């Protein structure tokens, strides 16, 4: 998931953020350079197959 959203789509290091999964809810944590990237990352995560919710703890 991290590679798909952060590296393949946003062209950022896949290690710039963490994704924790519990009961098909993904919590994103980490620090991105642009606030627009955080909104995009959360939106893309919401759209992934099997994801019930995405919790935004990105800064």
Protein backbone atom coordinates (compact mmCIF):
# COMPACT_ATOMS: atom_id res chain seq x y z
CA UNK A 1 0.00 0.00 0.00
CA UNK A 2 2.72 2.46 0.93
CA UNK A 3 4.56 1.89 -2.34
CA UNK A 4 1.38 2.21 -4.41
CA UNK A 5 0.22 5.50 -2.89
CA UNK A 6 3.43 7.28 -1.91
CA UNK A 7 5.98 6.07 -4.46
CA UNK A 8 3.97 5.17 -7.56
CA UNK A 9 1.38 7.98 -7.45
CA UNK A 10 2.88 10.84 -5.43
CA UNK A 11 6.50 10.13 -6.44
CA UNK A 12 7.65 10.27 -2.82
CA UNK A 13 9.74 7.81 -0.84
CA UNK A 14 7.58 4.88 0.25
CA UNK A 15 9.23 5.20 3.67
CA UNK A 16 8.12 8.81 4.21
CA UNK A 17 4.97 7.60 5.97
CA UNK A 18 3.67 4.53 7.73
CA UNK A 19 0.42 2.67 7.18
CA UNK A 20 -1.03 0.57 9.98
CA UNK A 21 -3.98 -1.72 9.22
CA UNK A 22 -6.55 -2.92 11.74
CA UNK A 23 -9.93 -4.38 10.72
CA UNK A 24 -9.55 -2.96 7.19
CA UNK A 25 -9.04 0.56 8.61
CA UNK A 26 -5.73 2.12 7.56
CA UNK A 27 -4.07 4.75 9.73
CA UNK A 28 -1.54 6.90 7.90
CA UNK A 29 1.20 8.60 9.93
CA UNK A 30 4.24 10.59 8.91
CA UNK A 31 5.29 13.97 7.62
CA UNK A 32 4.92 15.04 4.00
CA UNK A 33 6.32 18.19 2.42
CA UNK A 34 3.00 19.51 1.06
CA UNK A 35 -0.42 19.49 2.72
CA UNK A 36 -1.98 18.80 -0.69
CA UNK A 37 -0.08 15.49 -0.76
CA UNK A 38 -1.62 14.43 2.55
CA UNK A 39 -5.15 14.98 1.26
CA UNK A 40 -4.34 13.09 -1.91
CA UNK A 41 -2.74 10.20 -0.01
CA UNK A 42 -5.78 9.81 2.24
CA UNK A 43 -8.16 10.00 -0.72
CA UNK A 44 -6.23 7.38 -2.67
CA UNK A 45 -6.08 5.11 0.38
CA UNK A 46 -9.87 5.36 0.78
CA UNK A 47 -10.28 4.12 -2.80
CA UNK A 48 -8.16 0.99 -2.43
CA UNK A 49 -9.94 -2.37 -2.55
CA UNK A 50 -10.89 -3.69 0.87
CA UNK A 51 -10.32 -0.43 2.74
CA UNK A 52 -13.19 0.47 5.06
CA UNK A 53 -11.75 3.77 6.28
CA UNK A 54 -8.52 5.78 6.22
CA UNK A 55 -7.46 7.73 9.31
CA UNK A 56 -5.31 10.78 8.61
CA UNK A 57 -2.47 11.35 11.08
CA UNK A 58 -0.20 12.86 8.42
CA UNK A 59 1.39 16.26 8.93
